[in-house]
Amino acid sequence: MKIPKIVFLMPVLLIIIFSGVRQGTADSFPPLPEALDALQSDAAVTVTEVTVPEWPAGSNFYFSFEPTAPGATIGLIIYPGALVDPRSYAPAAHAIAAQGYVTVIVKMIDDLALGASVERATKIINDYPAIEKWAIGGHSMGGFGACAYTKNHTENIDGVVLWAAYPSNLARLDDKIIKAISIYGTNDGLFTPDELEESRTHLPPYTQWAPIDGGNHTQFGWYDTSPDPVQPGDNPATITRETQQNIIVQGSADFLNNFNLCPNDPNNDYDNDAVCGDVDNCPNKPNQGQEDTYPPAGNGLGDACECEGNFNCSADQDVDGSDAALFKTDFGRNSFNRKCVATDICNGDFSCDGDVDGTDAALFKLDFGRNQFNNPCPACVGGGAWCGY
């Protein structure tokens, strides 16, 4: 079978999209002095360059930043941007580790988060069995690689941290139950507004969006773009690199801290409504007030999650034609025409007032079309059990 040419072009296109094209050299952007300084251990963080013999020579290592204070249980894996020396992210990794999180920068083959490099997070996770929750992320193409890894390894990853990056349709995560944050600069010339909007449909619905006013693409790391002030295709920033880095570090650390908030919730308050999923009556939709007014007596399922029109809820998770037929059969019943009562229940008396009218039809219409691929219905009760006549 002939493989479409676009498959072979994809790595080149991704390099252009995420990093720009370097003119006159294929070498990666080298680290600035501040980055090299951050590779030194201090009282708060131990920095180690770890060799991985099974990885190809020249790219067989990663940098570990471990808090010296004991008890770290949350970690962050960072994939570098395309054609950027991984040491360029040492200042951010060091600062995040100082706040109590094991942070690892992974060297990529040819400094590109593509192909076999994408799978390197598994080695890191295996090397740190004490870490209970892992987030993975990266800058630019590194963020794409992090999403690609997560797409195939949700059993290993609890969160995604994107720095001026997006998954594209190739590594979309919108169907995954996972927390995510997208941190981006408003002056970025490589991560465009159109790509930002596209990423909203490719990331989980409760992704946090964190713009950095005046930040650009280049200042997500500490790498040398001389003689140019920024990497090709980027715009000048209107804030200093130090200011942008402080925002990146704090936003990332605050995101990691979310995993401390709900120790008994395996999905870590996925819907970000400040109610832990193990006690949330609608864990996948924000409902901080926990409203439970349907049916009138309540049923322990939040209004935000109700799926009133799923009459055969013991058999499926959808509202389809079979439910519509049942609703149509009872539509129009009222006090003068076979009122809904315990001995003759109605399909569709959602307000439990004894009839099936236009108000009930409007509620049914809202849920019609829900299925296992499109906002599936949760466990439910229907008919007489719904109203308790």
Protein backbone atom coordinates (compact mmCIF):
# COMPACT_ATOMS: atom_id res chain seq x y z
CA MET A 1 0.00 0.00 0.00
CA LYS A 2 1.36 3.41 -0.93
CA ILE A 3 1.75 5.68 2.09
CA PRO A 4 0.59 9.28 1.57
CA LYS A 5 3.45 11.74 1.22
CA ILE A 6 2.07 13.84 4.08
CA VAL A 7 3.11 11.09 6.53
CA PHE A 8 6.75 11.59 5.61
CA LEU A 9 6.44 15.36 5.72
CA MET A 10 4.87 15.45 9.18
CA PRO A 11 8.10 15.59 11.24
CA VAL A 12 9.39 18.45 9.07
CA LEU A 13 6.11 20.30 9.35
CA LEU A 14 6.10 19.92 13.11
CA ILE A 15 9.62 21.31 13.37
CA ILE A 16 8.59 24.34 11.32
CA ILE A 17 5.41 24.85 13.33
CA PHE A 18 6.92 24.52 16.78
CA SER A 19 10.44 25.88 16.47
CA GLY A 20 10.91 27.88 13.31
CA VAL A 21 13.71 27.02 10.89
CA ARG A 22 17.26 27.81 11.94
CA GLN A 23 19.19 29.49 9.18
CA GLY A 24 22.66 28.20 8.28
CA THR A 25 22.95 25.46 10.93
CA ALA A 26 21.20 22.34 12.16
CA ASP A 27 22.67 22.69 15.67
CA SER A 28 20.36 23.10 18.62
CA PHE A 29 20.07 26.39 20.49
CA PRO A 30 22.66 26.27 23.31
CA PRO A 31 21.87 27.09 26.96
CA LEU A 32 22.52 30.52 28.41
CA PRO A 33 24.82 30.88 31.46
CA GLU A 34 21.79 31.12 33.77
CA ALA A 35 20.74 27.66 32.63
CA LEU A 36 24.13 26.15 33.37
CA ASP A 37 24.13 27.75 36.83
CA ALA A 38 20.76 26.07 37.57
CA LEU A 39 22.34 22.65 37.01
CA GLN A 40 24.18 23.02 40.32
CA SER A 41 22.74 21.46 43.48
CA ASP A 42 21.94 23.67 46.46
CA ALA A 43 20.34 23.38 49.88
CA ALA A 44 16.84 22.93 48.45
CA VAL A 45 17.44 20.84 45.32
CA THR A 46 19.76 18.00 44.34
CA VAL A 47 20.59 17.99 40.62
CA THR A 48 21.78 14.79 38.96
CA GLU A 49 22.62 13.88 35.37
CA VAL A 50 21.40 10.28 35.02
CA THR A 51 22.83 8.02 32.31
CA VAL A 52 20.50 5.53 30.63
CA PRO A 53 22.64 2.83 28.99
CA GLU A 54 19.82 1.44 26.86
CA TRP A 55 19.24 4.77 25.09
CA PRO A 56 21.34 5.62 22.00
CA ALA A 57 24.72 7.23 22.66
CA GLY A 58 24.65 11.01 22.56
CA SER A 59 21.12 11.18 23.91
CA ASN A 60 21.31 8.62 26.71
CA PHE A 61 20.67 10.82 29.73
CA TYR A 62 18.21 12.96 31.65
CA PHE A 63 18.51 15.64 34.33
CA SER A 64 16.86 15.02 37.68
CA PHE A 65 15.96 17.84 40.09
CA GLU A 66 14.93 16.37 43.46
CA PRO A 67 13.81 18.34 46.51
CA THR A 68 16.17 17.75 49.42
CA ALA A 69 13.19 17.77 51.78
CA PRO A 70 11.89 14.18 52.05
CA GLY A 71 8.42 12.96 51.10
CA ALA A 72 7.93 14.17 47.52
CA THR A 73 5.06 12.24 45.90
CA ILE A 74 4.34 14.38 42.82
CA GLY A 75 6.58 14.67 39.77
CA LEU A 76 6.85 16.59 36.51
CA ILE A 77 8.54 15.31 33.34
CA ILE A 78 9.65 18.02 30.90
CA TYR A 79 10.21 17.43 27.17
CA PRO A 80 12.33 20.23 25.60
CA GLY A 81 11.33 22.27 22.58
CA ALA A 82 12.55 21.28 19.11
CA LEU A 83 16.27 21.91 18.53
CA VAL A 84 16.74 23.31 22.02
CA ASP A 85 19.43 21.97 24.36
CA PRO A 86 17.57 20.37 27.31
CA ARG A 87 19.74 22.22 29.81
CA SER A 88 17.97 25.40 28.74
CA TYR A 89 15.02 24.46 30.96
CA ALA A 90 17.12 23.92 34.09
CA PRO A 91 16.16 27.22 35.81
CA ALA A 92 12.45 26.38 35.63
CA ALA A 93 13.01 22.76 36.66
CA HIS A 94 15.17 23.83 39.60
CA ALA A 95 12.60 26.36 40.80
CA ILE A 96 9.70 23.89 40.51
CA ALA A 97 11.68 21.23 42.40
CA ALA A 98 12.40 23.76 45.15
CA GLN A 99 8.64 23.87 45.77
CA GLY A 100 8.57 20.15 46.54
CA TYR A 101 8.14 18.37 43.21
CA VAL A 102 10.55 15.92 41.59
CA THR A 103 11.25 17.46 38.17
CA VAL A 104 13.00 15.74 35.28
CA ILE A 105 14.21 17.15 31.94
CA VAL A 106 14.56 14.43 29.33
CA LYS A 107 17.12 14.54 26.52
CA MET A 108 15.48 13.83 23.14
CA ILE A 109 17.12 12.06 20.20
CA ASP A 110 18.42 14.86 17.93
CA ASP A 111 16.63 17.26 20.31
CA LEU A 112 13.27 16.44 18.73
CA ALA A 113 10.33 15.09 20.76
CA LEU A 114 9.31 12.66 18.04
CA GLY A 115 9.40 8.90 17.43
CA ALA A 116 11.18 6.82 20.05
CA SER A 117 11.97 9.90 22.16
CA VAL A 118 8.30 10.30 23.01
CA GLU A 119 8.33 7.02 24.95
CA ARG A 120 11.17 8.05 27.27
CA ALA A 121 8.84 9.12 30.08
CA THR A 122 8.23 5.46 30.93
CA LYS A 123 11.87 5.09 31.97
CA ILE A 124 11.59 8.12 34.26
CA ILE A 125 8.41 6.84 35.87
CA ASN A 126 9.98 3.44 36.51
CA ASP A 127 13.05 5.08 38.06
CA TYR A 128 10.94 6.89 40.69
CA PRO A 129 8.54 4.37 42.27
CA ALA A 130 7.86 6.67 45.24
CA ILE A 131 6.15 9.23 43.01
CA GLU A 132 2.39 8.69 43.19
CA LYS A 133 1.21 11.31 40.68
CA TRP A 134 2.98 12.27 37.46
CA ALA A 135 2.43 15.24 35.20
CA ILE A 136 4.18 15.50 31.87
CA GLY A 137 4.68 18.55 29.73
CA GLY A 138 7.03 20.54 27.64
CA HIS A 139 7.76 23.54 25.54
CA SER A 140 6.60 23.80 21.93
CA MET A 141 7.22 20.46 20.17
CA GLY A 142 8.08 19.05 23.60
CA GLY A 143 4.50 19.72 24.65
CA PHE A 144 3.27 17.91 21.55
CA GLY A 145 5.48 14.93 22.44
CA ALA A 146 4.14 14.99 26.00
CA CYS A 147 0.57 14.83 24.68
CA ALA A 148 1.50 12.01 22.32
CA TYR A 149 2.90 10.03 25.25
CA THR A 150 -0.14 10.75 27.41
CA LYS A 151 -2.56 9.69 24.68
CA ASN A 152 -1.12 6.18 24.80
CA HIS A 153 -0.23 6.01 28.51
CA THR A 154 -3.04 7.53 30.54
CA GLU A 155 -2.39 4.85 33.15
CA ASN A 156 0.93 6.59 33.91
CA ILE A 157 -0.01 10.26 33.67
CA ASP A 158 -2.32 12.39 35.84
CA GLY A 159 -1.76 15.80 34.28
CA VAL A 160 -0.37 17.63 31.26
CA VAL A 161 1.55 20.94 31.45
CA LEU A 162 1.87 22.75 28.12
CA TRP A 163 4.27 25.63 27.62
CA ALA A 164 3.42 27.37 24.33
CA ALA A 165 2.33 24.03 22.94
CA TYR A 166 -0.70 22.11 21.70
CA PRO A 167 -1.47 18.47 20.85
CA SER A 168 -2.87 18.96 17.33
CA ASN A 169 -5.27 16.37 15.98
CA LEU A 170 -2.46 13.76 16.09
CA ALA A 171 -2.25 13.64 19.89
CA ARG A 172 -5.61 15.01 21.01
CA LEU A 173 -6.64 14.41 24.61
CA ASP A 174 -10.19 15.76 24.66
CA ASP A 175 -11.61 12.29 25.31
CA LYS A 176 -9.29 11.59 28.27
CA ILE A 177 -10.08 12.09 31.94
CA ILE A 178 -6.96 14.02 32.81
CA LYS A 179 -6.11 17.47 34.14
CA ALA A 180 -4.28 19.92 31.90
CA ILE A 181 -2.95 23.47 31.84
CA SER A 182 -1.92 25.53 28.82
CA ILE A 183 0.51 28.37 29.60
CA TYR A 184 1.23 30.67 26.65
CA GLY A 185 2.54 34.13 25.82
CA THR A 186 0.35 36.73 24.17
CA ASN A 187 3.28 37.89 21.99
CA ASP A 188 4.19 34.38 20.79
CA GLY A 189 4.93 34.32 17.07
CA LEU A 190 5.12 30.52 16.79
CA PHE A 191 2.14 29.42 18.88
CA THR A 192 -0.48 31.47 17.09
CA PRO A 193 -3.99 32.51 18.22
CA ASP A 194 -5.47 30.14 15.63
CA GLU A 195 -3.48 27.23 17.04
CA LEU A 196 -4.54 28.24 20.54
CA GLU A 197 -8.20 28.11 19.54
CA GLU A 198 -7.69 24.78 17.78
CA SER A 199 -6.10 23.36 20.92
CA ARG A 200 -9.27 24.09 22.90
CA THR A 201 -11.01 21.33 20.96
CA HIS A 202 -8.08 18.91 21.29
CA LEU A 203 -7.53 19.20 25.05
CA PRO A 204 -9.77 18.02 27.93
CA PRO A 205 -12.83 20.25 28.43
CA TYR A 206 -11.68 21.53 31.83
CA THR A 207 -8.17 22.53 30.79
CA GLN A 208 -6.85 25.60 32.59
CA TRP A 209 -5.79 28.45 30.30
CA ALA A 210 -3.02 30.72 31.57
CA PRO A 211 -1.96 33.57 29.23
CA ILE A 212 1.23 35.49 29.99
CA ASP A 213 0.67 39.08 28.94
CA GLY A 214 3.63 40.19 26.82
CA GLY A 215 5.38 36.80 26.88
CA ASN A 216 6.81 35.22 23.74
CA HIS A 217 7.96 31.77 22.59
CA THR A 218 11.71 32.16 23.12
CA GLN A 219 11.47 33.11 26.80
CA PHE A 220 9.94 29.77 27.81
CA GLY A 221 13.55 28.61 28.10
CA TRP A 222 17.02 30.00 28.72
CA TYR A 223 18.64 29.40 25.33
CA ASP A 224 20.89 31.52 23.18
CA THR A 225 19.41 32.72 19.88
CA SER A 226 22.23 35.12 19.02
CA PRO A 227 22.88 36.99 16.86
CA ASP A 228 19.08 37.32 16.79
CA PRO A 229 17.20 38.47 19.91
CA VAL A 230 14.56 35.74 19.44
CA GLN A 231 14.34 32.49 17.52
CA PRO A 232 13.17 32.69 13.88
CA GLY A 233 9.48 33.43 13.55
CA ASP A 234 8.99 34.67 17.11
CA ASN A 235 7.96 38.15 18.22
CA PRO A 236 9.78 40.32 20.78
CA ALA A 237 8.47 40.05 24.32
CA THR A 238 7.36 43.11 26.26
CA ILE A 239 8.32 41.57 29.61
CA THR A 240 11.70 40.31 30.81
CA ARG A 241 12.71 36.68 30.62
CA GLU A 242 12.89 36.61 34.43
CA THR A 243 9.30 37.84 34.75
CA GLN A 244 8.02 35.36 32.20
CA GLN A 245 9.90 32.50 33.84
CA ASN A 246 8.51 33.37 37.28
CA ILE A 247 4.98 33.16 35.88
CA ILE A 248 5.71 29.84 34.14
CA VAL A 249 7.21 28.32 37.28
CA GLN A 250 4.43 29.43 39.60
CA GLY A 251 1.66 28.44 37.21
CA SER A 252 3.19 24.99 36.78
CA ALA A 253 3.79 24.52 40.52
CA ASP A 254 0.25 25.62 41.39
CA PHE A 255 -1.07 23.10 38.87
CA LEU A 256 1.00 20.32 40.46
CA ASN A 257 -0.30 21.31 43.89
CA ASN A 258 -3.81 20.39 42.68
CA PHE A 259 -2.82 16.76 43.10
CA ASN A 260 -2.45 17.31 46.86
CA LEU A 261 -6.03 18.49 47.26
CA CYS A 262 -8.01 15.28 46.68
CA PRO A 263 -5.99 12.30 47.98
CA ASN A 264 -8.98 9.92 47.74
CA ASP A 265 -10.08 11.02 44.27
CA PRO A 266 -8.38 9.05 41.48
CA ASN A 267 -9.27 11.74 38.93
CA ASN A 268 -8.09 14.68 41.08
CA ASP A 269 -11.25 16.81 40.84
CA TYR A 270 -11.21 16.48 37.06
CA ASP A 271 -13.93 19.10 36.54
CA ASN A 272 -12.07 21.71 38.66
CA ASP A 273 -15.13 22.70 40.70
CA ALA A 274 -13.34 22.43 44.09
CA VAL A 275 -15.39 19.36 45.05
CA CYS A 276 -13.32 16.18 45.16
CA GLY A 277 -14.59 13.50 42.81
CA ASP A 278 -14.99 10.87 45.52
CA VAL A 279 -17.79 12.97 47.06
CA ASP A 280 -18.89 15.00 44.00
CA ASN A 281 -22.45 14.12 42.89
CA CYS A 282 -21.44 15.02 39.33
CA PRO A 283 -17.67 14.41 39.12
CA ASN A 284 -17.16 15.20 35.41
CA LYS A 285 -19.12 18.46 35.19
CA PRO A 286 -18.52 21.59 37.28
CA ASN A 287 -21.25 21.98 39.93
CA GLN A 288 -19.68 23.56 42.98
CA GLY A 289 -23.13 24.07 44.56
CA GLN A 290 -23.94 20.34 44.21
CA GLU A 291 -27.53 21.17 43.22
CA ASP A 292 -29.82 18.11 43.31
CA THR A 293 -33.36 19.31 42.54
CA TYR A 294 -34.37 16.79 39.86
CA PRO A 295 -36.41 14.83 40.69
CA PRO A 296 -38.00 17.18 43.24
CA ALA A 297 -36.99 14.94 46.13
CA GLY A 298 -33.43 14.56 44.80
CA ASN A 299 -31.70 11.29 44.04
CA GLY A 300 -28.05 11.82 44.94
CA LEU A 301 -27.10 12.69 41.37
CA GLY A 302 -26.33 16.36 40.66
CA ASP A 303 -28.58 18.25 38.29
CA ALA A 304 -25.57 18.87 36.03
CA CYS A 305 -25.30 15.13 35.41
CA GLU A 306 -28.95 14.14 35.15
CA CYS A 307 -30.05 12.45 31.94
CA GLU A 308 -33.81 12.44 32.40
CA GLY A 309 -34.64 11.06 28.97
CA ASN A 310 -32.69 7.83 29.35
CA PHE A 311 -35.75 5.76 30.26
CA ASN A 312 -34.05 2.38 29.86
CA CYS A 313 -31.05 3.47 31.92
CA SER A 314 -30.33 0.00 33.20
CA ALA A 315 -29.50 -1.07 29.64
CA ASP A 316 -27.54 1.83 28.10
CA GLN A 317 -26.08 5.31 28.57
CA ASP A 318 -27.83 7.16 25.78
CA VAL A 319 -30.95 9.07 24.80
CA ASP A 320 -31.92 7.81 21.39
CA GLY A 321 -34.87 6.92 19.20
CA SER A 322 -36.17 4.23 21.53
CA ASP A 323 -36.37 6.79 24.36
CA ALA A 324 -38.05 9.28 22.02
CA ALA A 325 -40.71 6.68 21.15
CA LEU A 326 -41.45 6.10 24.85
CA PHE A 327 -41.64 9.84 25.47
CA LYS A 328 -43.98 10.33 22.53
CA THR A 329 -46.30 7.60 23.86
CA ASP A 330 -46.88 9.48 27.12
CA PHE A 331 -46.70 13.06 25.83
CA GLY A 332 -49.96 14.88 26.54
CA ARG A 333 -51.00 12.91 29.59
CA ASN A 334 -52.41 15.16 32.32
CA SER A 335 -55.03 15.45 35.06
CA PHE A 336 -57.84 15.07 32.53
CA ASN A 337 -56.18 12.47 30.33
CA ARG A 338 -54.70 9.53 32.21
CA LYS A 339 -52.77 11.40 34.90
CA CYS A 340 -49.35 10.06 35.86
CA VAL A 341 -49.68 8.09 39.11
CA ALA A 342 -47.77 5.33 40.90
CA THR A 343 -49.95 2.61 39.41
CA ASP A 344 -49.68 4.07 35.90
CA ILE A 345 -46.33 5.88 35.65
CA CYS A 346 -45.26 8.20 32.85
CA ASN A 347 -42.07 8.29 30.82
CA GLY A 348 -41.24 11.98 30.74
CA ASP A 349 -42.85 13.54 33.81
CA PHE A 350 -39.53 15.09 34.78
CA SER A 351 -41.03 17.68 37.14
CA CYS A 352 -43.26 15.07 38.82
CA ASP A 353 -46.42 17.18 38.52
CA GLY A 354 -48.57 14.39 37.11
CA ASP A 355 -48.36 15.35 33.44
CA VAL A 356 -46.06 15.27 30.41
CA ASP A 357 -46.10 18.66 28.72
CA GLY A 358 -43.95 21.17 26.86
CA THR A 359 -41.70 21.80 29.85
CA ASP A 360 -40.83 18.12 29.94
CA ALA A 361 -40.33 18.08 26.17
CA ALA A 362 -37.76 20.87 26.46
CA LEU A 363 -35.79 18.86 29.02
CA PHE A 364 -35.95 15.76 26.83
CA LYS A 365 -34.69 17.73 23.83
CA LEU A 366 -31.63 18.90 25.80
CA ASP A 367 -30.53 15.32 26.35
CA PHE A 368 -31.53 13.79 23.03
CA GLY A 369 -28.46 12.48 21.18
CA ARG A 370 -26.31 11.82 24.24
CA ASN A 371 -24.42 8.53 23.96
CA GLN A 372 -21.22 6.78 24.97
CA PHE A 373 -19.18 8.99 22.62
CA ASN A 374 -21.04 12.25 23.30
CA ASN A 375 -21.58 13.14 26.94
CA PRO A 376 -22.76 9.67 28.09
CA CYS A 377 -25.56 9.44 30.63
CA PRO A 378 -24.53 8.43 34.16
CA ALA A 379 -26.29 5.85 36.29
CA CYS A 380 -29.88 6.98 36.60
CA VAL A 381 -33.40 6.30 37.80
CA GLY A 382 -36.56 6.68 35.74
CA GLY A 383 -40.34 6.35 35.67
CA GLY A 384 -42.02 5.90 39.02
CA ALA A 385 -38.70 5.63 40.83
CA TRP A 386 -37.84 9.08 39.50
CA CYS A 387 -40.97 10.71 40.91
CA GLY A 388 -41.83 8.37 43.77
CA TYR A 389 -45.57 8.94 43.33
